[in-house]
Amino acid sequence: MIQMCIVSGGNVLIQRVVNDLGTSAIAANTAAGRIEGYLFVPAQGLNNGISTFSGQNIGAGLPDRVRSGRRKARSILVPVAVVLAVFLFIFARQLIALFGVEGEALRLGIQHLKFIAPFFAFFCLYMSNAGVLTGTGDVKAASGITLAVLAVRVALTYIFCYGFHMGFAALYVPNPIGWVVGLVISYLRFRGCKWEGMSVVKSKV
């Protein structure tokens, strides 16, 4: 819930930039964003699964099973990410066209999807780490990482748009940068092993 509120707040700030770029950018960003949302479903679903799995096993005092579950989740996510990335790159035009956009908006939407496609695996790997942290009770760290990712995205969007005048590209170039930041920070937190001593429900025994 906290992470969803953080993301919603950041999206409001980014929407101001979208509005300043005109109607074609608004249409392209809306279409591309919805397609991204559908493609994120497998990663977010597995994120929820690994979160529940991690919570159960850290509560049972089995951190090694948490590590094993994370490895297996990543072994599933990476091939899925590669397949989705290829699909996204090849069928970008057809996917954007499904939303009825054309002309400049269509061109911008295709540009958006083809750029983020190769980086989709970073998002999936980030989600696997976030799932472990959330499930094991390290919620403050997970929320802090979400805030850091969003801060990077928002800051770079404004810098790229108003500082470097990158136009529509300012909306999507920060996305994979944010995913990489989230992946690195969440990995370092996971490697720190502080989650091993945590549990969503503390035993009174």
Protein backbone atom coordinates (compact mmCIF):
# COMPACT_ATOMS: atom_id res chain seq x y z
CA MET A 1 0.00 0.00 0.00
CA ILE A 2 2.78 2.42 0.94
CA GLN A 3 4.68 1.66 -2.25
CA MET A 4 1.55 2.13 -4.36
CA CYS A 5 0.99 5.58 -2.81
CA ILE A 6 4.61 6.53 -3.54
CA VAL A 7 4.29 5.47 -7.17
CA SER A 8 0.97 7.30 -7.59
CA GLY A 9 2.48 10.51 -6.23
CA GLY A 10 5.42 10.28 -8.62
CA ASN A 11 3.14 9.65 -11.58
CA VAL A 12 1.31 12.89 -10.82
CA LEU A 13 4.60 14.80 -11.05
CA ILE A 14 5.53 13.08 -14.32
CA GLN A 15 2.08 13.79 -15.76
CA ARG A 16 2.87 17.51 -15.68
CA VAL A 17 5.77 16.92 -18.06
CA VAL A 18 3.56 14.77 -20.30
CA ASN A 19 0.97 17.54 -20.50
CA ASP A 20 3.60 20.10 -21.47
CA LEU A 21 4.69 17.96 -24.44
CA GLY A 22 1.34 18.17 -26.22
CA THR A 23 -1.50 15.95 -27.36
CA SER A 24 0.60 13.52 -29.41
CA ALA A 25 2.85 12.87 -26.42
CA ILE A 26 -0.16 12.40 -24.15
CA ALA A 27 -1.72 9.84 -26.51
CA ALA A 28 1.56 7.99 -27.06
CA ASN A 29 2.44 7.93 -23.37
CA THR A 30 -1.01 6.66 -22.42
CA ALA A 31 -0.92 3.83 -24.97
CA ALA A 32 2.67 2.81 -24.20
CA GLY A 33 2.02 3.01 -20.46
CA ARG A 34 -0.95 0.67 -20.69
CA ILE A 35 1.04 -1.83 -22.74
CA GLU A 36 3.86 -1.67 -20.18
CA GLY A 37 1.31 -2.32 -17.46
CA TYR A 38 0.18 -5.54 -19.16
CA LEU A 39 3.76 -6.68 -19.67
CA PHE A 40 4.58 -6.04 -16.00
CA VAL A 41 1.89 -8.47 -14.84
CA PRO A 42 4.10 -11.63 -14.91
CA ALA A 43 6.88 -9.92 -12.92
CA GLN A 44 4.47 -8.40 -10.42
CA GLY A 45 2.62 -11.69 -10.04
CA LEU A 46 5.84 -13.57 -9.32
CA ASN A 47 6.86 -10.72 -7.01
CA ASN A 48 3.74 -11.40 -4.94
CA GLY A 49 4.46 -15.13 -5.00
CA ILE A 50 8.08 -14.81 -3.87
CA SER A 51 6.98 -12.33 -1.22
CA THR A 52 4.53 -14.83 0.29
CA PHE A 53 7.04 -17.68 -0.05
CA SER A 54 9.78 -15.63 1.61
CA GLY A 55 7.52 -14.57 4.48
CA GLN A 56 6.53 -18.15 5.24
CA ASN A 57 10.09 -19.44 5.18
CA ILE A 58 11.72 -16.62 7.12
CA GLY A 59 9.03 -17.10 9.74
CA ALA A 60 9.92 -20.78 9.89
CA GLY A 61 13.60 -19.92 10.26
CA LEU A 62 14.59 -21.18 6.82
CA PRO A 63 16.56 -18.37 5.12
CA ASP A 64 18.25 -20.83 2.76
CA ARG A 65 14.87 -21.67 1.26
CA VAL A 66 14.30 -17.95 0.72
CA ARG A 67 17.53 -17.76 -1.26
CA SER A 68 16.60 -20.86 -3.23
CA GLY A 69 13.14 -19.45 -3.99
CA ARG A 70 14.66 -16.19 -5.19
CA ARG A 71 17.01 -18.06 -7.54
CA LYS A 72 14.17 -20.09 -8.98
CA ALA A 73 12.01 -17.01 -9.41
CA ARG A 74 14.80 -15.29 -11.33
CA SER A 75 15.32 -18.39 -13.49
CA ILE A 76 11.68 -18.06 -14.51
CA LEU A 77 11.58 -14.28 -14.85
CA VAL A 78 14.61 -13.79 -17.08
CA PRO A 79 13.45 -16.08 -19.94
CA VAL A 80 9.95 -14.59 -19.69
CA ALA A 81 11.46 -11.10 -19.85
CA VAL A 82 13.50 -12.00 -22.94
CA VAL A 83 10.46 -13.42 -24.74
CA LEU A 84 8.32 -10.39 -23.85
CA ALA A 85 11.10 -8.01 -24.90
CA VAL A 86 11.40 -9.64 -28.32
CA PHE A 87 7.62 -9.63 -28.71
CA LEU A 88 7.47 -5.97 -27.70
CA PHE A 89 10.21 -4.94 -30.10
CA ILE A 90 8.78 -6.81 -33.08
CA PHE A 91 5.13 -5.92 -32.58
CA ALA A 92 5.51 -2.40 -31.15
CA ARG A 93 3.63 -0.80 -34.05
CA GLN A 94 0.71 -3.23 -33.89
CA LEU A 95 0.43 -2.93 -30.11
CA ILE A 96 0.35 0.87 -30.13
CA ALA A 97 -2.10 0.88 -33.05
CA LEU A 98 -4.56 -1.15 -30.95
CA PHE A 99 -5.25 2.05 -28.98
CA GLY A 100 -6.31 3.94 -32.08
CA VAL A 101 -3.35 6.32 -32.19
CA GLU A 102 -1.81 7.36 -35.50
CA GLY A 103 0.61 9.80 -37.05
CA GLU A 104 3.07 11.41 -34.64
CA ALA A 105 1.53 9.71 -31.60
CA LEU A 106 2.02 6.31 -33.23
CA ARG A 107 5.64 7.09 -34.03
CA LEU A 108 6.34 8.24 -30.47
CA GLY A 109 4.64 5.20 -28.96
CA ILE A 110 6.70 2.81 -31.08
CA GLN A 111 9.83 4.70 -30.13
CA HIS A 112 8.94 4.32 -26.44
CA LEU A 113 8.30 0.56 -26.57
CA LYS A 114 11.35 -0.30 -28.66
CA PHE A 115 13.61 1.63 -26.31
CA ILE A 116 12.46 -0.03 -23.08
CA ALA A 117 12.19 -3.57 -24.50
CA PRO A 118 15.88 -4.54 -24.05
CA PHE A 119 15.81 -3.38 -20.42
CA PHE A 120 12.73 -5.30 -19.32
CA ALA A 121 14.82 -8.03 -17.64
CA PHE A 122 16.24 -5.43 -15.23
CA PHE A 123 12.73 -4.65 -14.03
CA CYS A 124 11.98 -8.35 -13.51
CA LEU A 125 15.17 -8.91 -11.52
CA TYR A 126 14.45 -5.83 -9.42
CA MET A 127 10.98 -7.21 -8.67
CA SER A 128 12.41 -10.53 -7.45
CA ASN A 129 14.63 -8.73 -4.94
CA ALA A 130 11.81 -6.43 -3.84
CA GLY A 131 9.55 -9.45 -3.28
CA VAL A 132 12.04 -11.06 -0.92
CA LEU A 133 12.56 -7.87 1.08
CA THR A 134 8.84 -7.22 1.42
CA GLY A 135 8.01 -10.80 2.30
CA THR A 136 10.67 -11.12 4.96
CA GLY A 137 9.45 -8.00 6.74
CA ASP A 138 12.10 -5.56 5.49
CA VAL A 139 9.29 -3.26 4.40
CA LYS A 140 11.07 0.01 5.24
CA ALA A 141 13.93 -0.92 2.95
CA ALA A 142 11.57 -2.03 0.18
CA SER A 143 9.59 1.22 0.44
CA GLY A 144 12.78 3.26 0.57
CA ILE A 145 14.05 1.58 -2.59
CA THR A 146 10.74 2.25 -4.34
CA LEU A 147 11.04 5.91 -3.32
CA ALA A 148 14.63 6.06 -4.59
CA VAL A 149 13.64 4.56 -7.95
CA LEU A 150 10.78 6.99 -8.29
CA ALA A 151 12.95 9.94 -7.28
CA VAL A 152 15.45 9.01 -9.99
CA ARG A 153 12.68 8.71 -12.58
CA VAL A 154 11.03 12.01 -11.68
CA ALA A 155 14.30 13.95 -11.40
CA LEU A 156 15.65 12.63 -14.70
CA THR A 157 12.34 13.24 -16.46
CA TYR A 158 12.47 16.93 -15.50
CA ILE A 159 16.19 17.22 -16.23
CA PHE A 160 15.93 15.50 -19.62
CA CYS A 161 12.84 17.47 -20.61
CA TYR A 162 13.58 20.99 -19.37
CA GLY A 163 17.37 20.81 -19.09
CA PHE A 164 18.40 18.80 -22.14
CA HIS A 165 15.21 19.38 -24.16
CA MET A 166 14.91 15.73 -25.12
CA GLY A 167 11.19 15.99 -25.76
CA PHE A 168 9.16 12.79 -25.57
CA ALA A 169 12.27 10.70 -24.89
CA ALA A 170 12.48 12.37 -21.48
CA LEU A 171 9.44 10.31 -20.45
CA TYR A 172 10.81 6.84 -21.13
CA VAL A 173 14.61 7.05 -20.95
CA PRO A 174 14.52 7.44 -17.13
CA ASN A 175 12.51 4.21 -16.71
CA PRO A 176 15.30 1.66 -17.27
CA ILE A 177 17.73 3.86 -15.37
CA GLY A 178 15.37 3.70 -12.41
CA TRP A 179 15.05 -0.09 -12.76
CA VAL A 180 18.83 -0.50 -12.71
CA VAL A 181 19.07 1.72 -9.62
CA GLY A 182 16.37 -0.35 -7.92
CA LEU A 183 18.08 -3.60 -8.92
CA VAL A 184 21.47 -2.50 -7.55
CA ILE A 185 20.13 -1.13 -4.24
CA SER A 186 17.80 -4.07 -3.63
CA TYR A 187 20.60 -6.52 -4.43
CA LEU A 188 22.95 -4.81 -1.97
CA ARG A 189 20.23 -4.88 0.67
CA PHE A 190 19.60 -8.56 0.01
CA ARG A 191 23.31 -9.35 0.20
CA GLY A 192 23.47 -7.51 3.53
CA CYS A 193 21.31 -10.33 4.96
CA LYS A 194 19.51 -8.09 7.46
CA TRP A 195 16.28 -9.65 6.26
CA GLU A 196 17.37 -12.97 7.78
CA GLY A 197 16.60 -11.73 11.28
CA MET A 198 13.23 -10.30 10.37
CA SER A 199 9.74 -11.70 10.37
CA VAL A 200 6.38 -10.13 9.61
CA VAL A 201 5.00 -11.81 12.74
CA LYS A 202 7.33 -11.89 15.73
CA SER A 203 7.16 -14.94 17.94
CA LYS A 204 6.35 -14.33 21.64
CA VAL A 205 7.86 -17.62 22.72
